[in-house]
Protein backbone atom coordinates (compact mmCIF):
# COMPACT_ATOMS: atom_id res chain seq x y z
CA UNK A 1 0.00 0.00 0.00
CA UNK A 2 1.08 3.58 -0.26
CA UNK A 3 2.99 3.88 3.02
CA UNK A 4 4.91 0.60 2.61
CA UNK A 5 5.18 0.89 -1.18
CA UNK A 6 3.65 -2.59 -1.45
CA UNK A 7 0.55 -3.88 -3.20
CA UNK A 8 -0.94 -5.23 0.01
CA UNK A 9 -0.74 -4.08 3.61
CA UNK A 10 2.60 -5.64 4.54
CA UNK A 11 4.12 -7.03 1.36
CA UNK A 12 3.43 -7.77 -2.29
CA UNK A 13 1.64 -11.00 -1.40
CA UNK A 14 -1.92 -11.16 -0.07
CA UNK A 15 -2.29 -12.18 3.56
CA UNK A 16 -5.32 -13.23 5.58
CA UNK A 17 -5.48 -9.72 7.05
CA UNK A 18 -5.62 -8.25 3.54
CA UNK A 19 -8.55 -10.46 2.64
CA UNK A 20 -10.37 -9.46 5.82
CA UNK A 21 -9.82 -5.79 4.97
CA UNK A 22 -11.08 -6.48 1.45
CA UNK A 23 -14.21 -8.17 2.85
CA UNK A 24 -15.05 -5.10 4.92
CA UNK A 25 -14.56 -2.85 1.90
CA UNK A 26 -16.70 -5.18 -0.19
CA UNK A 27 -19.51 -5.04 2.35
CA UNK A 28 -19.44 -1.26 2.27
CA UNK A 29 -19.42 -1.27 -1.52
CA UNK A 30 -22.43 -3.60 -1.57
CA UNK A 31 -24.34 -1.54 0.95
CA UNK A 32 -23.70 1.73 -0.87
CA UNK A 33 -24.88 0.15 -4.13
CA UNK A 34 -27.98 -1.18 -2.38
CA UNK A 35 -28.95 2.29 -1.14
CA UNK A 36 -27.95 3.87 -4.47
CA UNK A 37 -25.06 5.96 -3.15
CA UNK A 38 -21.63 6.70 -4.59
CA UNK A 39 -18.86 4.31 -3.59
CA UNK A 40 -17.18 5.20 -0.28
CA UNK A 41 -13.86 4.32 -1.96
CA UNK A 42 -14.22 7.01 -4.58
CA UNK A 43 -12.01 9.46 -2.70
CA UNK A 44 -9.55 6.86 -1.38
CA UNK A 45 -7.67 5.82 -4.49
CA UNK A 46 -5.18 3.59 -2.67
CA UNK A 47 -8.00 1.57 -1.08
CA UNK A 48 -9.92 1.51 -4.35
CA UNK A 49 -6.89 0.10 -6.17
CA UNK A 50 -6.39 -2.49 -3.41
CA UNK A 51 -10.09 -3.45 -3.62
CA UNK A 52 -9.91 -3.87 -7.40
CA UNK A 53 -6.68 -5.90 -7.30
CA UNK A 54 -8.15 -8.41 -4.86
CA UNK A 55 -11.50 -8.56 -6.72
CA UNK A 56 -9.68 -9.33 -9.99
CA UNK A 57 -7.31 -11.92 -8.51
CA UNK A 58 -7.59 -14.99 -10.73
CA UNK A 59 -7.03 -17.32 -7.74
CA UNK A 60 -10.21 -15.98 -6.13
CA UNK A 61 -12.32 -16.10 -9.31
CA UNK A 62 -13.95 -19.43 -8.41
CA UNK A 63 -14.92 -18.06 -4.98
CA UNK A 64 -16.40 -14.84 -6.38
CA UNK A 65 -18.45 -16.82 -8.91
CA UNK A 66 -19.67 -19.32 -6.33
CA UNK A 67 -23.00 -19.46 -4.53
CA UNK A 68 -21.10 -18.95 -1.26
CA UNK A 69 -19.89 -15.49 -2.18
CA UNK A 70 -23.32 -14.50 -3.42
CA UNK A 71 -25.14 -15.96 -0.40
CA UNK A 72 -22.70 -14.79 2.26
CA UNK A 73 -21.45 -11.51 0.77
CA UNK A 74 -22.42 -9.86 4.05
CA UNK A 75 -21.07 -12.04 6.83
CA UNK A 76 -23.40 -10.54 9.40
CA UNK A 77 -26.62 -12.56 9.90
CA UNK A 78 -28.26 -9.40 11.25
CA UNK A 79 -27.96 -7.56 7.94
CA UNK A 80 -31.74 -7.39 7.62
CA UNK A 81 -31.58 -4.78 4.88
CA UNK A 82 -30.55 -7.54 2.45
CA UNK A 83 -33.87 -9.36 2.76
């Protein structure tokens, strides 16, 4: 990332912490789309780039196309606004 001059938070390889960060960003992206608002990442280009890199990672493609990603995109069972 910008401060470390790396693609991800600590190095140029994705870690579990990076994926967790990405999940939180993805949940915000989904919520903002749901309520028809502009992306919260719009003004944070470093986070936006990070988000896009992870979302386009070919190793995660199967996960993103799976029913699990679609069904559990918000990992909070109390996200009643999705129903």
